Protein backbone atom coordinates (compact mmCIF):
# COMPACT_ATOMS: atom_id res chain seq x y z
CA UNK A 1 5.04 -9.49 -9.96
CA UNK A 2 6.06 -13.07 -9.67
CA UNK A 3 6.47 -14.29 -6.15
CA UNK A 4 9.02 -17.02 -5.51
CA UNK A 5 9.11 -18.88 -2.25
CA UNK A 6 10.71 -16.79 0.44
CA UNK A 7 10.49 -13.59 -1.52
CA UNK A 8 9.54 -10.71 0.69
CA UNK A 9 6.60 -8.50 -0.14
CA UNK A 10 7.62 -5.12 -1.52
CA UNK A 11 7.07 -1.99 0.59
CA UNK A 12 4.47 0.49 -0.51
CA UNK A 13 7.21 2.72 -1.87
CA UNK A 14 8.80 -0.13 -3.84
CA UNK A 15 5.48 -1.18 -5.28
CA UNK A 16 4.55 2.39 -6.25
CA UNK A 17 7.94 2.90 -7.88
CA UNK A 18 7.54 -0.28 -9.89
CA UNK A 19 4.02 0.80 -10.94
CA UNK A 20 5.44 4.12 -12.16
CA UNK A 21 8.12 2.22 -14.08
CA UNK A 22 5.58 -0.02 -15.76
CA UNK A 23 3.41 2.95 -16.65
CA UNK A 24 6.33 4.88 -18.07
CA UNK A 25 7.36 1.89 -20.23
CA UNK A 26 3.85 1.47 -21.59
CA UNK A 27 3.37 5.24 -22.19
CA UNK A 28 6.72 5.49 -24.03
CA UNK A 29 5.97 2.48 -26.18
CA UNK A 30 8.84 0.49 -24.76
CA UNK A 31 6.76 -2.64 -24.36
CA UNK A 32 6.06 -5.14 -27.10
CA UNK A 33 2.66 -6.80 -27.27
CA UNK A 34 4.12 -10.07 -25.92
CA UNK A 35 5.32 -8.38 -22.74
CA UNK A 36 2.22 -6.18 -22.25
CA UNK A 37 -0.09 -8.70 -20.71
CA UNK A 38 2.54 -9.73 -18.19
CA UNK A 39 3.18 -6.16 -17.17
CA UNK A 40 -0.54 -5.38 -16.91
CA UNK A 41 -0.95 -8.42 -14.65
CA UNK A 42 1.99 -7.35 -12.53
CA UNK A 43 0.56 -3.85 -12.25
CA UNK A 44 -2.81 -5.18 -11.15
CA UNK A 45 -1.15 -7.15 -8.38
CA UNK A 46 0.86 -4.12 -7.25
CA UNK A 47 -2.30 -1.99 -7.17
CA UNK A 48 -3.99 -4.56 -4.95
CA UNK A 49 -0.96 -4.69 -2.70
CA UNK A 50 -0.88 -0.85 -2.39
CA UNK A 51 -4.60 -0.71 -1.65
CA UNK A 52 -4.21 -3.31 1.10
CA UNK A 53 -1.33 -1.38 2.64
CA UNK A 54 -3.32 1.85 2.58
CA UNK A 55 -6.34 0.18 4.15
CA UNK A 56 -4.16 -1.36 6.88
CA UNK A 57 -2.58 2.01 7.61
CA UNK A 58 -6.05 3.67 7.82
CA UNK A 59 -7.14 1.02 10.37
CA UNK A 60 -4.00 1.56 12.43
CA UNK A 61 -4.40 5.36 12.41
CA UNK A 62 -8.05 5.06 13.36
CA UNK A 63 -7.24 2.66 16.20
CA UNK A 64 -4.50 4.89 17.56
CA UNK A 65 -6.61 8.05 17.27
CA UNK A 66 -9.52 6.39 19.13
CA UNK A 67 -7.15 5.22 21.89
CA UNK A 68 -5.73 8.71 22.23
CA UNK A 69 -9.22 10.15 22.50
CA UNK A 70 -10.18 7.61 25.14
CA UNK A 71 -7.01 8.36 27.10
CA UNK A 72 -7.66 12.10 26.90
CA UNK A 73 -11.26 11.66 28.05
CA UNK A 74 -10.17 9.44 30.96
CA UNK A 75 -7.50 11.96 31.94
CA UNK A 76 -10.00 14.79 31.86
CA UNK A 77 -12.36 12.82 34.08
CA UNK A 78 -9.62 12.11 36.59
CA UNK A 79 -8.61 15.81 36.61
CA UNK A 80 -12.24 16.78 37.28
CA UNK A 81 -12.55 14.42 40.23
């Protein structure tokens, strides 16, 4: 996964699709030994990218869920009063 200046980061779906493509090539023996190390390096970068996106999404979901719980609790208190 070579990044040139100004190249946008792939989406999770794009990265996952590229990972699947790399895996398929390797499993089917479509990769010669000279190309293998480059593909493995690219795959490692894509895995790290996907993990980062998953972690960021988990944080966002947790933040939103906590805010909804606080809002619901505040609403319940105001209804009681």
